N, C-alpha and C. Protein backbone atom coordinates (compact mmCIF):
# COMPACT_ATOMS: atom_id res chain seq x y z
N MET A 1 49.75 68.85 176.27
CA MET A 1 50.11 68.43 174.93
C MET A 1 49.53 69.43 173.94
N LYS A 2 50.26 69.71 172.93
CA LYS A 2 49.82 70.63 171.88
C LYS A 2 49.46 69.84 170.64
N ILE A 3 48.62 70.42 169.83
CA ILE A 3 48.24 69.80 168.56
C ILE A 3 48.54 70.80 167.46
N ARG A 4 49.12 70.32 166.36
CA ARG A 4 49.40 71.19 165.23
C ARG A 4 48.27 71.03 164.24
N LEU A 5 47.61 72.12 163.96
CA LEU A 5 46.43 72.08 163.10
C LEU A 5 46.72 72.72 161.76
N VAL A 6 46.17 72.13 160.74
CA VAL A 6 46.24 72.70 159.41
C VAL A 6 44.81 72.97 159.01
N LEU A 7 44.47 74.23 158.83
CA LEU A 7 43.12 74.56 158.42
C LEU A 7 43.00 74.37 156.93
N ALA A 8 41.88 73.81 156.53
CA ALA A 8 41.58 73.57 155.12
C ALA A 8 42.42 72.41 154.60
N ALA A 9 42.39 72.24 153.33
CA ALA A 9 43.17 71.18 152.72
C ALA A 9 44.40 71.78 152.06
N VAL A 10 44.95 72.83 152.67
CA VAL A 10 46.03 73.56 152.03
C VAL A 10 47.33 72.78 151.99
N VAL A 11 47.55 71.85 152.89
CA VAL A 11 48.77 71.07 152.81
C VAL A 11 48.79 70.27 151.52
N ALA A 12 47.64 69.70 151.16
CA ALA A 12 47.56 69.00 149.88
C ALA A 12 47.81 69.97 148.74
N SER A 13 47.36 71.21 148.87
CA SER A 13 47.59 72.21 147.84
C SER A 13 49.07 72.47 147.66
N VAL A 14 49.78 72.62 148.75
CA VAL A 14 51.21 72.89 148.68
C VAL A 14 51.93 71.73 148.01
N ALA A 15 51.59 70.53 148.42
CA ALA A 15 52.27 69.36 147.86
C ALA A 15 51.99 69.21 146.38
N SER A 16 50.80 69.57 145.94
CA SER A 16 50.41 69.32 144.56
C SER A 16 50.72 70.47 143.62
N VAL A 17 50.48 71.70 144.06
CA VAL A 17 50.60 72.81 143.12
C VAL A 17 51.51 73.92 143.62
N GLY A 18 52.14 73.75 144.76
CA GLY A 18 53.08 74.75 145.23
C GLY A 18 52.44 76.01 145.78
N VAL A 19 51.17 75.97 146.17
CA VAL A 19 50.52 77.13 146.74
C VAL A 19 51.00 77.28 148.17
N ALA A 20 51.31 78.49 148.57
CA ALA A 20 51.77 78.71 149.93
C ALA A 20 50.63 78.50 150.91
N ALA A 21 50.90 77.75 151.95
CA ALA A 21 49.87 77.47 152.96
C ALA A 21 49.92 78.52 154.05
N PRO A 22 48.78 78.78 154.69
CA PRO A 22 48.82 79.66 155.84
C PRO A 22 49.65 79.04 156.94
N ALA A 23 50.14 79.86 157.83
CA ALA A 23 51.00 79.37 158.90
C ALA A 23 50.24 78.42 159.81
N ARG A 24 50.95 77.42 160.28
CA ARG A 24 50.38 76.52 161.27
C ARG A 24 50.46 77.21 162.62
N ALA A 25 49.59 76.80 163.49
CA ALA A 25 49.60 77.37 164.82
C ALA A 25 49.56 76.26 165.86
N ASP A 26 50.42 76.38 166.86
CA ASP A 26 50.34 75.46 167.99
C ASP A 26 49.28 76.01 168.93
N ILE A 27 48.30 75.19 169.23
CA ILE A 27 47.26 75.59 170.16
C ILE A 27 47.10 74.47 171.17
N PRO A 28 46.54 74.78 172.32
CA PRO A 28 46.28 73.68 173.26
C PRO A 28 45.37 72.66 172.61
N GLU A 29 45.60 71.39 172.90
CA GLU A 29 44.78 70.35 172.30
C GLU A 29 43.34 70.48 172.77
N PRO A 30 42.39 70.45 171.83
CA PRO A 30 40.98 70.52 172.22
C PRO A 30 40.60 69.29 173.04
N PRO A 31 39.64 69.43 173.95
CA PRO A 31 39.23 68.27 174.73
C PRO A 31 38.56 67.22 173.85
N PRO A 32 38.80 65.94 174.13
CA PRO A 32 38.16 64.89 173.33
C PRO A 32 36.66 64.84 173.59
N ARG A 33 35.91 64.57 172.54
CA ARG A 33 34.46 64.37 172.65
C ARG A 33 34.20 62.89 172.37
N PRO A 34 33.39 62.24 173.18
CA PRO A 34 33.18 60.79 173.01
C PRO A 34 32.24 60.48 171.86
N THR A 35 32.26 59.22 171.43
CA THR A 35 31.26 58.75 170.48
C THR A 35 29.91 58.71 171.18
N THR A 36 28.85 58.78 170.38
CA THR A 36 27.49 58.66 170.89
C THR A 36 26.97 57.29 170.49
N PRO A 37 26.83 56.34 171.43
CA PRO A 37 26.32 55.02 171.06
C PRO A 37 24.99 55.12 170.32
N GLY A 38 24.90 54.40 169.20
CA GLY A 38 23.70 54.42 168.38
C GLY A 38 23.62 55.57 167.39
N ALA A 39 24.58 56.47 167.40
CA ALA A 39 24.56 57.61 166.48
C ALA A 39 24.82 57.15 165.05
N TRP A 40 24.34 57.92 164.09
CA TRP A 40 24.57 57.63 162.67
C TRP A 40 24.56 58.95 161.89
N ILE A 41 25.22 58.93 160.75
CA ILE A 41 25.23 60.09 159.85
C ILE A 41 25.42 59.60 158.43
N THR A 42 24.76 60.27 157.50
CA THR A 42 24.93 59.97 156.08
C THR A 42 24.71 61.26 155.29
N GLY A 43 25.37 61.36 154.16
CA GLY A 43 25.16 62.51 153.30
C GLY A 43 26.39 62.87 152.50
N VAL A 44 26.16 63.77 151.58
CA VAL A 44 27.23 64.32 150.75
C VAL A 44 26.99 65.81 150.65
N GLY A 45 28.04 66.58 150.74
CA GLY A 45 27.92 68.02 150.61
C GLY A 45 29.21 68.63 150.13
N GLN A 46 29.11 69.84 149.63
CA GLN A 46 30.26 70.56 149.10
C GLN A 46 30.27 71.95 149.69
N PHE A 47 31.46 72.48 149.91
CA PHE A 47 31.59 73.89 150.27
C PHE A 47 32.73 74.49 149.48
N VAL A 48 32.76 75.81 149.41
CA VAL A 48 33.78 76.54 148.66
C VAL A 48 34.55 77.41 149.64
N TYR A 49 35.88 77.28 149.62
CA TYR A 49 36.72 78.09 150.50
C TYR A 49 36.73 79.55 150.06
N HIS A 50 36.76 80.43 151.05
CA HIS A 50 36.94 81.86 150.84
C HIS A 50 38.04 82.32 151.79
N GLU A 51 39.25 81.80 151.54
CA GLU A 51 40.40 82.10 152.38
C GLU A 51 41.63 82.28 151.49
N VAL A 52 42.61 82.97 152.02
CA VAL A 52 43.86 83.20 151.30
C VAL A 52 44.46 81.86 150.88
N ASN A 53 44.97 81.79 149.68
CA ASN A 53 45.65 80.63 149.08
C ASN A 53 44.74 79.48 148.69
N VAL A 54 43.49 79.51 149.08
CA VAL A 54 42.55 78.45 148.69
C VAL A 54 41.23 79.04 148.21
N GLU A 55 41.20 80.31 147.88
CA GLU A 55 39.98 80.98 147.43
C GLU A 55 39.38 80.22 146.24
N GLY A 56 38.11 79.86 146.38
CA GLY A 56 37.40 79.19 145.29
C GLY A 56 37.60 77.69 145.21
N HIS A 57 38.47 77.12 146.04
CA HIS A 57 38.65 75.67 146.03
C HIS A 57 37.35 75.02 146.52
N ARG A 58 36.94 73.94 145.83
CA ARG A 58 35.70 73.23 146.18
C ARG A 58 36.04 71.92 146.88
N ILE A 59 35.49 71.74 148.06
CA ILE A 59 35.74 70.55 148.86
C ILE A 59 34.42 69.79 149.00
N THR A 60 34.44 68.52 148.66
CA THR A 60 33.26 67.67 148.79
C THR A 60 33.57 66.56 149.79
N PHE A 61 32.66 66.37 150.74
CA PHE A 61 32.77 65.28 151.70
C PHE A 61 31.53 64.42 151.61
N GLY A 62 31.73 63.12 151.56
CA GLY A 62 30.64 62.16 151.68
C GLY A 62 30.90 61.33 152.92
N VAL A 63 29.86 61.02 153.65
CA VAL A 63 30.05 60.22 154.86
C VAL A 63 28.88 59.26 155.03
N ALA A 64 29.22 58.06 155.42
CA ALA A 64 28.24 57.04 155.81
C ALA A 64 28.86 56.34 157.01
N ALA A 65 28.32 56.61 158.19
CA ALA A 65 28.96 56.10 159.40
C ALA A 65 27.95 55.93 160.53
N GLY A 66 28.37 55.18 161.51
CA GLY A 66 27.54 54.97 162.68
C GLY A 66 28.38 54.55 163.87
N VAL A 67 27.68 54.32 164.98
CA VAL A 67 28.33 53.90 166.21
C VAL A 67 27.51 52.74 166.78
N THR A 68 28.19 51.67 167.15
CA THR A 68 27.49 50.54 167.77
C THR A 68 26.97 50.94 169.14
N ARG A 69 26.12 50.12 169.71
CA ARG A 69 25.58 50.42 171.04
C ARG A 69 26.67 50.35 172.10
N HIS A 70 27.82 49.76 171.75
CA HIS A 70 28.95 49.69 172.68
C HIS A 70 29.93 50.84 172.49
N GLY A 71 29.63 51.75 171.55
CA GLY A 71 30.46 52.94 171.37
C GLY A 71 31.56 52.84 170.35
N THR A 72 31.56 51.82 169.49
CA THR A 72 32.58 51.68 168.46
C THR A 72 32.08 52.31 167.15
N ALA A 73 32.84 53.28 166.65
CA ALA A 73 32.47 53.94 165.40
C ALA A 73 32.92 53.11 164.20
N TYR A 74 32.17 53.20 163.11
CA TYR A 74 32.51 52.51 161.87
C TYR A 74 32.01 53.36 160.70
N GLY A 75 32.59 53.15 159.55
CA GLY A 75 32.14 53.84 158.35
C GLY A 75 33.28 54.47 157.58
N VAL A 76 32.90 55.27 156.60
CA VAL A 76 33.89 55.86 155.71
C VAL A 76 33.53 57.31 155.41
N LEU A 77 34.57 58.13 155.26
CA LEU A 77 34.43 59.51 154.82
C LEU A 77 35.21 59.62 153.51
N THR A 78 34.55 60.09 152.46
CA THR A 78 35.24 60.32 151.19
C THR A 78 35.45 61.82 151.03
N TYR A 79 36.50 62.19 150.31
CA TYR A 79 36.75 63.61 150.08
C TYR A 79 37.23 63.83 148.65
N ARG A 80 36.97 65.03 148.17
CA ARG A 80 37.42 65.46 146.85
C ARG A 80 37.75 66.94 146.96
N HIS A 81 38.94 67.33 146.55
CA HIS A 81 39.39 68.72 146.61
C HIS A 81 39.68 69.16 145.17
N ALA A 82 38.88 70.10 144.68
CA ALA A 82 39.03 70.59 143.30
C ALA A 82 39.41 72.07 143.31
N LEU A 83 40.23 72.44 142.35
CA LEU A 83 40.60 73.84 142.15
C LEU A 83 39.42 74.61 141.57
N PRO A 84 39.48 75.94 141.57
CA PRO A 84 38.37 76.72 141.01
C PRO A 84 38.04 76.37 139.56
N ASP A 85 39.03 75.94 138.79
CA ASP A 85 38.77 75.57 137.39
C ASP A 85 38.25 74.14 137.24
N GLY A 86 38.06 73.44 138.37
CA GLY A 86 37.54 72.08 138.35
C GLY A 86 38.60 71.00 138.37
N LYS A 87 39.87 71.37 138.17
CA LYS A 87 40.94 70.38 138.18
C LYS A 87 41.03 69.72 139.56
N LEU A 88 41.11 68.38 139.55
CA LEU A 88 41.18 67.62 140.79
C LEU A 88 42.55 67.80 141.44
N LEU A 89 42.56 68.18 142.69
CA LEU A 89 43.79 68.36 143.44
C LEU A 89 44.08 67.14 144.32
N ALA A 90 43.04 66.62 144.96
CA ALA A 90 43.21 65.45 145.83
C ALA A 90 41.86 64.77 146.01
N SER A 91 41.90 63.47 146.22
CA SER A 91 40.69 62.73 146.55
C SER A 91 41.09 61.46 147.27
N GLY A 92 40.16 60.92 148.02
CA GLY A 92 40.44 59.69 148.73
C GLY A 92 39.37 59.39 149.75
N TRP A 93 39.74 58.53 150.70
CA TRP A 93 38.79 58.18 151.75
C TRP A 93 39.54 57.92 153.04
N ALA A 94 38.80 58.03 154.13
CA ALA A 94 39.37 57.83 155.46
C ALA A 94 38.39 57.01 156.30
N ASP A 95 38.94 56.29 157.26
CA ASP A 95 38.12 55.48 158.17
C ASP A 95 37.52 56.36 159.26
N VAL A 96 36.20 56.28 159.44
CA VAL A 96 35.55 57.04 160.50
C VAL A 96 35.89 56.39 161.84
N THR A 97 36.35 57.21 162.79
CA THR A 97 36.73 56.70 164.11
C THR A 97 35.87 57.26 165.23
N CYS A 98 35.04 58.27 164.93
CA CYS A 98 34.17 58.85 165.96
C CYS A 98 32.99 59.54 165.30
N VAL A 99 31.80 59.35 165.86
CA VAL A 99 30.60 60.10 165.49
C VAL A 99 29.95 60.51 166.81
N ASN A 100 29.70 61.80 166.95
CA ASN A 100 29.06 62.33 168.14
C ASN A 100 27.89 63.18 167.67
N VAL A 101 26.68 62.85 168.12
CA VAL A 101 25.49 63.60 167.72
C VAL A 101 24.83 64.16 168.97
N HIS A 102 24.57 65.47 168.93
CA HIS A 102 23.87 66.13 170.02
C HIS A 102 22.98 67.21 169.41
N GLY A 103 21.67 67.00 169.49
CA GLY A 103 20.73 67.97 168.93
C GLY A 103 20.92 68.10 167.43
N ASP A 104 21.12 69.35 166.96
CA ASP A 104 21.27 69.59 165.52
C ASP A 104 22.73 69.62 165.07
N THR A 105 23.63 69.05 165.88
CA THR A 105 25.06 69.09 165.58
C THR A 105 25.65 67.68 165.58
N ALA A 106 26.46 67.40 164.56
CA ALA A 106 27.18 66.14 164.48
C ALA A 106 28.68 66.43 164.37
N LEU A 107 29.47 65.69 165.12
CA LEU A 107 30.92 65.73 165.00
C LEU A 107 31.36 64.41 164.38
N VAL A 108 32.26 64.49 163.42
CA VAL A 108 32.77 63.29 162.75
C VAL A 108 34.29 63.38 162.70
N THR A 109 34.94 62.30 163.07
CA THR A 109 36.39 62.19 162.94
C THR A 109 36.69 61.02 162.01
N ALA A 110 37.62 61.24 161.09
CA ALA A 110 38.06 60.18 160.19
C ALA A 110 39.57 60.28 160.03
N VAL A 111 40.23 59.14 160.02
CA VAL A 111 41.68 59.09 159.92
C VAL A 111 42.04 58.34 158.65
N GLU A 112 42.87 58.99 157.83
CA GLU A 112 43.31 58.38 156.58
C GLU A 112 44.58 57.58 156.85
N PRO A 113 44.56 56.27 156.58
CA PRO A 113 45.77 55.47 156.80
C PRO A 113 46.96 56.05 156.04
N ASP A 114 48.12 56.02 156.68
CA ASP A 114 49.32 56.63 156.11
C ASP A 114 49.64 56.14 154.71
N GLU A 115 49.38 54.86 154.42
CA GLU A 115 49.73 54.34 153.10
C GLU A 115 48.87 54.93 151.98
N ARG A 116 47.76 55.60 152.33
CA ARG A 116 46.89 56.21 151.32
C ARG A 116 46.98 57.73 151.31
N SER A 117 47.77 58.31 152.16
CA SER A 117 47.75 59.75 152.36
C SER A 117 49.04 60.41 151.91
N MET A 118 48.91 61.67 151.49
CA MET A 118 50.10 62.48 151.20
C MET A 118 50.75 62.93 152.50
N LEU A 119 50.03 62.88 153.59
CA LEU A 119 50.52 63.28 154.91
C LEU A 119 50.51 62.09 155.84
N VAL A 120 51.49 62.00 156.73
CA VAL A 120 51.41 60.99 157.77
C VAL A 120 50.47 61.50 158.86
N ASN A 121 49.81 60.58 159.52
CA ASN A 121 48.91 60.93 160.62
C ASN A 121 47.85 61.96 160.22
N HIS A 122 47.21 61.74 159.08
CA HIS A 122 46.24 62.68 158.53
C HIS A 122 44.85 62.43 159.11
N GLY A 123 44.31 63.42 159.80
CA GLY A 123 42.98 63.31 160.39
C GLY A 123 42.07 64.42 159.91
N PHE A 124 40.79 64.09 159.74
CA PHE A 124 39.75 65.05 159.39
C PHE A 124 38.81 65.17 160.58
N TYR A 125 38.46 66.39 160.95
CA TYR A 125 37.56 66.65 162.08
C TYR A 125 36.49 67.61 161.59
N LEU A 126 35.27 67.08 161.41
CA LEU A 126 34.17 67.87 160.87
C LEU A 126 33.13 68.15 161.94
N LYS A 127 32.53 69.32 161.83
CA LYS A 127 31.37 69.67 162.63
C LYS A 127 30.29 70.08 161.64
N ILE A 128 29.17 69.37 161.68
CA ILE A 128 28.06 69.65 160.77
C ILE A 128 26.90 70.14 161.62
N ILE A 129 26.42 71.33 161.28
CA ILE A 129 25.38 71.99 162.08
C ILE A 129 24.12 72.09 161.24
N GLY A 130 23.04 71.53 161.76
CA GLY A 130 21.75 71.62 161.07
C GLY A 130 21.73 70.92 159.72
N GLY A 131 22.72 70.10 159.43
CA GLY A 131 22.76 69.38 158.17
C GLY A 131 23.26 70.18 156.99
N ASP A 132 23.42 71.52 157.17
CA ASP A 132 23.79 72.33 156.00
C ASP A 132 24.87 73.38 156.26
N ARG A 133 25.55 73.31 157.38
CA ARG A 133 26.72 74.16 157.64
C ARG A 133 27.84 73.25 158.13
N ILE A 134 29.06 73.57 157.72
CA ILE A 134 30.17 72.68 158.04
C ILE A 134 31.37 73.48 158.50
N GLU A 135 32.09 72.92 159.46
CA GLU A 135 33.39 73.44 159.89
C GLU A 135 34.37 72.28 159.77
N LEU A 136 35.61 72.60 159.46
CA LEU A 136 36.61 71.57 159.20
C LEU A 136 37.95 71.94 159.81
N VAL A 137 38.56 70.95 160.43
CA VAL A 137 39.95 71.05 160.86
C VAL A 137 40.63 69.80 160.32
N GLN A 138 41.86 69.96 159.86
CA GLN A 138 42.67 68.81 159.46
C GLN A 138 43.96 68.84 160.25
N THR A 139 44.49 67.68 160.53
CA THR A 139 45.81 67.58 161.14
C THR A 139 46.64 66.64 160.29
N GLY A 140 47.93 66.76 160.42
CA GLY A 140 48.78 65.83 159.70
C GLY A 140 50.14 66.41 159.42
N GLY A 141 51.02 65.52 159.00
CA GLY A 141 52.34 65.94 158.60
C GLY A 141 53.42 65.75 159.64
N ASP A 142 53.05 65.52 160.89
CA ASP A 142 54.03 65.36 161.95
C ASP A 142 54.13 63.88 162.32
N PRO A 143 55.25 63.23 161.97
CA PRO A 143 55.36 61.79 162.24
C PRO A 143 55.38 61.45 163.73
N THR A 144 55.61 62.43 164.60
CA THR A 144 55.63 62.16 166.04
C THR A 144 54.28 62.36 166.70
N GLU A 145 53.31 62.90 165.97
CA GLU A 145 51.97 63.16 166.52
C GLU A 145 50.93 62.32 165.80
N PRO A 146 50.49 61.21 166.38
CA PRO A 146 49.47 60.41 165.71
C PRO A 146 48.16 61.19 165.60
N ALA A 147 47.41 60.90 164.55
CA ALA A 147 46.11 61.55 164.36
C ALA A 147 45.19 61.17 165.52
N ARG A 148 44.49 62.16 166.04
CA ARG A 148 43.53 61.92 167.11
C ARG A 148 42.36 61.14 166.55
N ARG A 149 41.89 60.15 167.27
CA ARG A 149 40.80 59.30 166.80
C ARG A 149 39.48 59.67 167.46
N HIS A 150 39.51 60.54 168.45
CA HIS A 150 38.28 60.97 169.11
C HIS A 150 37.67 62.16 168.36
N CYS A 151 36.44 62.48 168.68
CA CYS A 151 35.79 63.64 168.06
C CYS A 151 36.35 64.92 168.66
N VAL A 152 36.38 65.96 167.83
CA VAL A 152 36.83 67.29 168.24
C VAL A 152 35.73 68.27 167.86
N ASP A 153 35.35 69.11 168.81
CA ASP A 153 34.39 70.17 168.51
C ASP A 153 35.19 71.37 168.04
N THR A 154 34.93 71.82 166.83
CA THR A 154 35.69 72.95 166.28
C THR A 154 35.47 74.23 167.08
N ALA A 155 34.45 74.27 167.93
CA ALA A 155 34.26 75.43 168.81
C ALA A 155 35.44 75.58 169.76
N ASP A 156 36.15 74.48 170.00
CA ASP A 156 37.32 74.50 170.89
C ASP A 156 38.61 74.84 170.14
N VAL A 157 38.51 75.14 168.85
CA VAL A 157 39.67 75.46 168.03
C VAL A 157 39.50 76.88 167.51
N PRO A 158 40.33 77.82 167.94
CA PRO A 158 40.15 79.21 167.51
C PRO A 158 40.38 79.39 166.01
N GLY A 159 39.65 80.34 165.43
CA GLY A 159 39.89 80.74 164.05
C GLY A 159 39.24 79.89 162.98
N ILE A 160 38.26 79.08 163.31
CA ILE A 160 37.60 78.23 162.32
C ILE A 160 36.51 79.02 161.62
N ASN A 161 36.45 78.89 160.31
CA ASN A 161 35.38 79.51 159.53
C ASN A 161 34.29 78.50 159.27
N ARG A 162 33.05 78.97 159.20
CA ARG A 162 31.92 78.11 158.85
C ARG A 162 31.57 78.34 157.40
N TYR A 163 31.17 77.26 156.73
CA TYR A 163 30.80 77.33 155.33
C TYR A 163 29.43 76.68 155.13
N PRO A 164 28.58 77.30 154.30
CA PRO A 164 27.33 76.62 153.96
C PRO A 164 27.63 75.42 153.06
N VAL A 165 26.89 74.36 153.26
CA VAL A 165 27.04 73.18 152.42
C VAL A 165 26.17 73.38 151.19
N ARG A 166 26.80 73.30 150.00
CA ARG A 166 26.05 73.47 148.76
C ARG A 166 26.73 72.71 147.66
N PRO A 167 26.17 72.00 146.84
CA PRO A 167 24.86 71.41 147.07
C PRO A 167 25.03 70.23 148.01
N GLY A 168 23.96 69.71 148.50
CA GLY A 168 24.02 68.52 149.33
C GLY A 168 23.40 68.74 150.68
N HIS A 169 23.45 67.71 151.47
CA HIS A 169 22.85 67.77 152.79
C HIS A 169 23.27 66.53 153.57
N TYR A 170 23.38 66.68 154.86
CA TYR A 170 23.68 65.57 155.74
C TYR A 170 22.50 65.33 156.67
N VAL A 171 22.22 64.09 156.98
CA VAL A 171 21.21 63.75 157.98
C VAL A 171 21.88 62.87 159.03
N PHE A 172 21.44 63.03 160.27
CA PHE A 172 22.06 62.27 161.35
C PHE A 172 21.09 62.15 162.51
N GLY A 173 21.39 61.25 163.40
CA GLY A 173 20.56 61.04 164.57
C GLY A 173 21.23 60.10 165.54
N SER A 174 20.52 59.78 166.59
CA SER A 174 21.04 58.82 167.57
C SER A 174 19.89 58.07 168.21
């Protein structure tokens, strides 16, 4: 099975302001990563894109989530996407469906219900390293491909850029 990935929040950019998005790429689906029973994460952080068509866009993610001892994830991920001039491009929230914590790395998956999203099957897949570096993959837009609800390690997705989190910080454990 293949997964269609959209890097960054550029699909929202195209829908809102007509900015051309980078090409999508079909890649083999990354292996699923399980939830970590008892894991938790909280924090807010921002990063700034340094990529074609989204240079200077500021993305803020807030997350408060955990996993029961039986492995069920719960919580919310909020997001805000602002243009370089500060104009709001998109904002909302998604239901956390997976938290995986191992050492100084946390994986978080959140799925935005279709009725709240500009995209059908919209999923966010974050990797937070040391509480202050973030990697992001988004999926969405294909009505035949439901958003994956398991955690995804961005190391399994080629071409991901890492961004320092500024300002803000995330803390997590298990």
